[in-house]
């Protein structure tokens, strides 16, 4: 059970890091995906990261 919680926590960190990467890509000039696509991608990655973080916290409290 502990390994599942660790994997979920690491997955949430990876999703948050990817969301930050997409947010920082908005500042770069000439980056290919349009800004609206990057904003949508960053928000969905951050939402997934929050979901996995909450799930790992709930499972660790059991």
PDB file of N, CA and C in Angstrom:
ATOM      1  N   UNK A   1       0.822  -1.197   0.000  1.00  0.00           N
ATOM      2  CA  UNK A   1       0.000   0.000   0.000  1.00  0.00           C
ATOM      3  C   UNK A   1       0.864   1.258   0.000  1.00  0.00           C
ATOM      4  N   UNK A   2       1.997   1.177   0.709  1.00  0.00           N
ATOM      5  CA  UNK A   2       2.866   2.342   0.798  1.00  0.00           C
ATOM      6  C   UNK A   2       3.478   2.694  -0.567  1.00  0.00           C
ATOM      7  N   UNK A   3       3.759   1.670  -1.377  1.00  0.00           N
ATOM      8  CA  UNK A   3       4.335   1.938  -2.694  1.00  0.00           C
ATOM      9  C   UNK A   3       3.319   2.614  -3.613  1.00  0.00           C
ATOM     10  N   UNK A   4       2.034   2.279  -3.456  1.00  0.00           N
ATOM     11  CA  UNK A   4       0.990   2.918  -4.262  1.00  0.00           C
ATOM     12  C   UNK A   4       0.889   4.394  -3.906  1.00  0.00           C
ATOM     13  N   UNK A   5       0.968   4.702  -2.632  1.00  0.00           N
ATOM     14  CA  UNK A   5       0.900   6.092  -2.183  1.00  0.00           C
ATOM     15  C   UNK A   5       2.104   6.873  -2.698  1.00  0.00           C
ATOM     16  N   UNK A   6       3.273   6.248  -2.672  1.00  0.00           N
ATOM     17  CA  UNK A   6       4.479   6.902  -3.173  1.00  0.00           C
ATOM     18  C   UNK A   6       4.367   7.173  -4.663  1.00  0.00           C
ATOM     19  N   UNK A   7       3.850   6.215  -5.410  1.00  0.00           N
ATOM     20  CA  UNK A   7       3.696   6.395  -6.856  1.00  0.00           C
ATOM     21  C   UNK A   7       2.698   7.508  -7.154  1.00  0.00           C
ATOM     22  N   UNK A   8       1.588   7.555  -6.421  1.00  0.00           N
ATOM     23  CA  UNK A   8       0.603   8.619  -6.629  1.00  0.00           C
ATOM     24  C   UNK A   8       1.176   9.987  -6.291  1.00  0.00           C
ATOM     25  N   UNK A   9       1.958  10.058  -5.217  1.00  0.00           N
ATOM     26  CA  UNK A   9       2.572  11.329  -4.839  1.00  0.00           C
ATOM     27  C   UNK A   9       3.584  11.786  -5.887  1.00  0.00           C
ATOM     28  N   UNK A  10       4.407  10.863  -6.379  1.00  0.00           N
ATOM     29  CA  UNK A  10       5.378  11.224  -7.413  1.00  0.00           C
ATOM     30  C   UNK A  10       4.691  11.613  -8.719  1.00  0.00           C
ATOM     31  N   UNK A  11       3.590  10.964  -9.029  1.00  0.00           N
ATOM     32  CA  UNK A  11       2.833  11.323 -10.222  1.00  0.00           C
ATOM     33  C   UNK A  11       2.255  12.726 -10.098  1.00  0.00           C
ATOM     34  N   UNK A  12       1.796  13.077  -8.907  1.00  0.00           N
ATOM     35  CA  UNK A  12       1.269  14.428  -8.711  1.00  0.00           C
ATOM     36  C   UNK A  12       2.383  15.466  -8.851  1.00  0.00           C
ATOM     37  N   UNK A  13       3.568  15.157  -8.333  1.00  0.00           N
ATOM     38  CA  UNK A  13       4.698  16.086  -8.500  1.00  0.00           C
ATOM     39  C   UNK A  13       5.074  16.246  -9.971  1.00  0.00           C
ATOM     40  N   UNK A  14       5.046  15.152 -10.707  1.00  0.00           N
ATOM     41  CA  UNK A  14       5.361  15.200 -12.136  1.00  0.00           C
ATOM     42  C   UNK A  14       4.335  16.036 -12.895  1.00  0.00           C
ATOM     43  N   UNK A  15       3.080  15.889 -12.555  1.00  0.00           N
ATOM     44  CA  UNK A  15       2.040  16.680 -13.219  1.00  0.00           C
ATOM     45  C   UNK A  15       2.161  18.163 -12.875  1.00  0.00           C
ATOM     46  N   UNK A  16       2.471  18.482 -11.612  1.00  0.00           N
ATOM     47  CA  UNK A  16       2.674  19.881 -11.243  1.00  0.00           C
ATOM     48  C   UNK A  16       3.890  20.477 -11.957  1.00  0.00           C
ATOM     49  N   UNK A  17       4.966  19.696 -12.087  1.00  0.00           N
ATOM     50  CA  UNK A  17       6.154  20.177 -12.788  1.00  0.00           C
ATOM     51  C   UNK A  17       5.846  20.422 -14.268  1.00  0.00           C
ATOM     52  N   UNK A  18       5.049  19.556 -14.859  1.00  0.00           N
ATOM     53  CA  UNK A  18       4.667  19.744 -16.260  1.00  0.00           C
ATOM     54  C   UNK A  18       3.782  20.975 -16.427  1.00  0.00           C
ATOM     55  N   UNK A  19       2.908  21.221 -15.470  1.00  0.00           N
ATOM     56  CA  UNK A  19       2.061  22.412 -15.527  1.00  0.00           C
ATOM     57  C   UNK A  19       2.912  23.675 -15.432  1.00  0.00           C
ATOM     58  N   UNK A  20       3.894  23.664 -14.551  1.00  0.00           N
ATOM     59  CA  UNK A  20       4.790  24.825 -14.424  1.00  0.00           C
ATOM     60  C   UNK A  20       5.587  25.028 -15.703  1.00  0.00           C
ATOM     61  N   UNK A  21       6.033  23.938 -16.316  1.00  0.00           N
ATOM     62  CA  UNK A  21       6.775  24.022 -17.577  1.00  0.00           C
ATOM     63  C   UNK A  21       5.914  24.675 -18.657  1.00  0.00           C
ATOM     64  N   UNK A  22       4.645  24.307 -18.730  1.00  0.00           N
ATOM     65  CA  UNK A  22       3.759  24.896 -19.730  1.00  0.00           C
ATOM     66  C   UNK A  22       3.473  26.360 -19.435  1.00  0.00           C
ATOM     67  N   UNK A  23       3.362  26.719 -18.163  1.00  0.00           N
ATOM     68  CA  UNK A  23       3.148  28.123 -17.807  1.00  0.00           C
ATOM     69  C   UNK A  23       4.369  28.960 -18.180  1.00  0.00           C
ATOM     70  N   UNK A  24       5.560  28.400 -17.922  1.00  0.00           N
ATOM     71  CA  UNK A  24       6.773  29.137 -18.286  1.00  0.00           C
ATOM     72  C   UNK A  24       6.947  29.231 -19.797  1.00  0.00           C
ATOM     73  N   UNK A  25       6.396  28.291 -20.539  1.00  0.00           N
ATOM     74  CA  UNK A  25       6.470  28.335 -22.000  1.00  0.00           C
ATOM     75  C   UNK A  25       5.632  29.471 -22.571  1.00  0.00           C
ATOM     76  N   UNK A  26       4.660  29.950 -21.810  1.00  0.00           N
ATOM     77  CA  UNK A  26       3.857  31.082 -22.267  1.00  0.00           C
ATOM     78  C   UNK A  26       4.688  32.350 -22.408  1.00  0.00           C
ATOM     79  N   UNK A  27       5.740  32.463 -21.614  1.00  0.00           N
ATOM     80  CA  UNK A  27       6.570  33.676 -21.613  1.00  0.00           C
ATOM     81  C   UNK A  27       7.550  33.709 -22.791  1.00  0.00           C
ATOM     82  N   UNK A  28       7.843  32.536 -23.355  1.00  0.00           N
ATOM     83  CA  UNK A  28       8.829  32.478 -24.433  1.00  0.00           C
ATOM     84  C   UNK A  28       8.231  32.951 -25.753  1.00  0.00           C
ATOM     85  N   UNK A  29       8.960  33.774 -26.474  1.00  0.00           N
ATOM     86  CA  UNK A  29       8.461  34.197 -27.787  1.00  0.00           C
ATOM     87  C   UNK A  29       8.692  33.093 -28.834  1.00  0.00           C
ATOM     88  N   UNK A  30       7.769  32.968 -29.739  1.00  0.00           N
ATOM     89  CA  UNK A  30       7.926  32.036 -30.844  1.00  0.00           C
ATOM     90  C   UNK A  30       7.750  30.581 -30.485  1.00  0.00           C
ATOM     91  N   UNK A  31       7.119  30.293 -29.379  1.00  0.00           N
ATOM     92  CA  UNK A  31       6.884  28.906 -28.990  1.00  0.00           C
ATOM     93  C   UNK A  31       5.698  28.405 -29.805  1.00  0.00           C
ATOM     94  N   UNK A  32       5.788  27.159 -30.334  1.00  0.00           N
ATOM     95  CA  UNK A  32       4.803  26.704 -31.318  1.00  0.00           C
ATOM     96  C   UNK A  32       3.357  26.621 -30.833  1.00  0.00           C
ATOM     97  N   UNK A  33       3.039  25.855 -29.811  1.00  0.00           N
ATOM     98  CA  UNK A  33       1.598  25.758 -29.523  1.00  0.00           C
ATOM     99  C   UNK A  33       1.029  27.122 -29.159  1.00  0.00           C
ATOM    100  N   UNK A  34      -0.148  27.425 -29.638  1.00  0.00           N
ATOM    101  CA  UNK A  34      -0.769  28.709 -29.280  1.00  0.00           C
ATOM    102  C   UNK A  34      -0.942  28.836 -27.766  1.00  0.00           C
ATOM    103  N   UNK A  35      -1.016  30.081 -27.333  1.00  0.00           N
ATOM    104  CA  UNK A  35      -1.093  30.329 -25.891  1.00  0.00           C
ATOM    105  C   UNK A  35      -2.344  29.730 -25.257  1.00  0.00           C
ATOM    106  N   UNK A  36      -3.447  29.719 -25.998  1.00  0.00           N
ATOM    107  CA  UNK A  36      -4.668  29.140 -25.443  1.00  0.00           C
ATOM    108  C   UNK A  36      -4.509  27.645 -25.207  1.00  0.00           C
ATOM    109  N   UNK A  37      -3.784  26.973 -26.099  1.00  0.00           N
ATOM    110  CA  UNK A  37      -3.543  25.540 -25.933  1.00  0.00           C
ATOM    111  C   UNK A  37      -2.658  25.295 -24.724  1.00  0.00           C
ATOM    112  N   UNK A  38      -1.630  26.126 -24.542  1.00  0.00           N
ATOM    113  CA  UNK A  38      -0.739  25.980 -23.394  1.00  0.00           C
ATOM    114  C   UNK A  38      -1.475  26.241 -22.081  1.00  0.00           C
ATOM    115  N   UNK A  39      -2.354  27.240 -22.054  1.00  0.00           N
ATOM    116  CA  UNK A  39      -3.122  27.528 -20.839  1.00  0.00           C
ATOM    117  C   UNK A  39      -4.057  26.371 -20.498  1.00  0.00           C
ATOM    118  N   UNK A  40      -4.712  25.821 -21.517  1.00  0.00           N
ATOM    119  CA  UNK A  40      -5.621  24.699 -21.291  1.00  0.00           C
ATOM    120  C   UNK A  40      -4.860  23.471 -20.811  1.00  0.00           C
ATOM    121  N   UNK A  41      -3.695  23.217 -21.420  1.00  0.00           N
ATOM    122  CA  UNK A  41      -2.869  22.077 -21.029  1.00  0.00           C
ATOM    123  C   UNK A  41      -2.357  22.240 -19.603  1.00  0.00           C
ATOM    124  N   UNK A  42      -1.910  23.450 -19.255  1.00  0.00           N
ATOM    125  CA  UNK A  42      -1.386  23.692 -17.906  1.00  0.00           C
ATOM    126  C   UNK A  42      -2.479  23.531 -16.855  1.00  0.00           C
ATOM    127  N   UNK A  43      -3.677  24.009 -17.149  1.00  0.00           N
ATOM    128  CA  UNK A  43      -4.751  23.880 -16.164  1.00  0.00           C
ATOM    129  C   UNK A  43      -5.186  22.429 -15.990  1.00  0.00           C
ATOM    130  N   UNK A  44      -5.195  21.653 -17.070  1.00  0.00           N
ATOM    131  CA  UNK A  44      -5.581  20.243 -16.916  1.00  0.00           C
ATOM    132  C   UNK A  44      -4.491  19.456 -16.198  1.00  0.00           C
ATOM    133  N   UNK A  45      -3.230  19.769 -16.439  1.00  0.00           N
ATOM    134  CA  UNK A  45      -2.143  19.096 -15.728  1.00  0.00           C
ATOM    135  C   UNK A  45      -2.161  19.445 -14.239  1.00  0.00           C
ATOM    136  N   UNK A  46      -2.412  20.698 -13.923  1.00  0.00           N
ATOM    137  CA  UNK A  46      -2.475  21.105 -12.519  1.00  0.00           C
ATOM    138  C   UNK A  46      -3.676  20.469 -11.822  1.00  0.00           C
ATOM    139  N   UNK A  47      -4.795  20.358 -12.530  1.00  0.00           N
ATOM    140  CA  UNK A  47      -5.967  19.696 -11.951  1.00  0.00           C
ATOM    141  C   UNK A  47      -5.710  18.224 -11.680  1.00  0.00           C
ATOM    142  N   UNK A  48      -5.043  17.566 -12.614  1.00  0.00           N
ATOM    143  CA  UNK A  48      -4.690  16.170 -12.401  1.00  0.00           C
ATOM    144  C   UNK A  48      -3.704  16.000 -11.259  1.00  0.00           C
ATOM    145  N   UNK A  49      -2.758  16.921 -11.153  1.00  0.00           N
ATOM    146  CA  UNK A  49      -1.808  16.876 -10.048  1.00  0.00           C
ATOM    147  C   UNK A  49      -2.488  17.061  -8.707  1.00  0.00           C
ATOM    148  N   UNK A  50      -3.446  17.976  -8.651  1.00  0.00           N
ATOM    149  CA  UNK A  50      -4.181  18.191  -7.406  1.00  0.00           C
ATOM    150  C   UNK A  50      -5.020  16.969  -7.047  1.00  0.00           C
ATOM    151  N   UNK A  51      -5.622  16.350  -8.052  1.00  0.00           N
ATOM    152  CA  UNK A  51      -6.425  15.154  -7.808  1.00  0.00           C
ATOM    153  C   UNK A  51      -5.580  14.013  -7.247  1.00  0.00           C
ATOM    154  N   UNK A  52      -4.413  13.766  -7.854  1.00  0.00           N
ATOM    155  CA  UNK A  52      -3.546  12.701  -7.366  1.00  0.00           C
ATOM    156  C   UNK A  52      -2.959  13.025  -6.000  1.00  0.00           C
ATOM    157  N   UNK A  53      -2.690  14.300  -5.734  1.00  0.00           N
ATOM    158  CA  UNK A  53      -2.182  14.694  -4.425  1.00  0.00           C
ATOM    159  C   UNK A  53      -3.230  14.454  -3.339  1.00  0.00           C
ATOM    160  N   UNK A  54      -4.454  14.852  -3.605  1.00  0.00           N
ATOM    161  CA  UNK A  54      -5.529  14.628  -2.626  1.00  0.00           C
ATOM    162  C   UNK A  54      -5.758  13.139  -2.416  1.00  0.00           C
ATOM    163  N   UNK A  55      -5.713  12.373  -3.502  1.00  0.00           N
ATOM    164  CA  UNK A  55      -5.901  10.927  -3.385  1.00  0.00           C
ATOM    165  C   UNK A  55      -4.794  10.272  -2.569  1.00  0.00           C
ATOM    166  N   UNK A  56      -3.549  10.718  -2.786  1.00  0.00           N
ATOM    167  CA  UNK A  56      -2.435  10.133  -2.017  1.00  0.00           C
ATOM    168  C   UNK A  56      -2.517  10.541  -0.539  1.00  0.00           C
ATOM    169  N   UNK A  57      -2.971  11.747  -0.252  1.00  0.00           N
ATOM    170  CA  UNK A  57      -3.123  12.162   1.145  1.00  0.00           C
ATOM    171  C   UNK A  57      -4.234  11.368   1.821  1.00  0.00           C
ATOM    172  N   UNK A  58      -5.343  11.158   1.104  1.00  0.00           N
ATOM    173  CA  UNK A  58      -6.430  10.378   1.684  1.00  0.00           C
ATOM    174  C   UNK A  58      -6.023   8.935   1.929  1.00  0.00           C
ATOM    175  N   UNK A  59      -5.281   8.337   1.013  1.00  0.00           N
ATOM    176  CA  UNK A  59      -4.852   6.962   1.190  1.00  0.00           C
ATOM    177  C   UNK A  59      -3.802   6.828   2.301  1.00  0.00           C
ATOM    178  N   UNK A  60      -2.993   7.852   2.483  1.00  0.00           N
ATOM    179  CA  UNK A  60      -1.963   7.752   3.530  1.00  0.00           C
ATOM    180  C   UNK A  60      -2.573   7.924   4.926  1.00  0.00           C
ATOM    181  N   UNK A  61      -3.743   8.541   5.001  1.00  0.00           N
ATOM    182  CA  UNK A  61      -4.354   8.731   6.320  1.00  0.00           C
ATOM    183  C   UNK A  61      -5.139   7.506   6.783  1.00  0.00           C
ATOM    184  N   UNK A  62      -5.327   6.554   5.876  1.00  0.00           N
ATOM    185  CA  UNK A  62      -6.080   5.345   6.234  1.00  0.00           C
ATOM    186  C   UNK A  62      -5.224   4.417   7.088  1.00  0.00           C
TER     187      UNK A  62
END
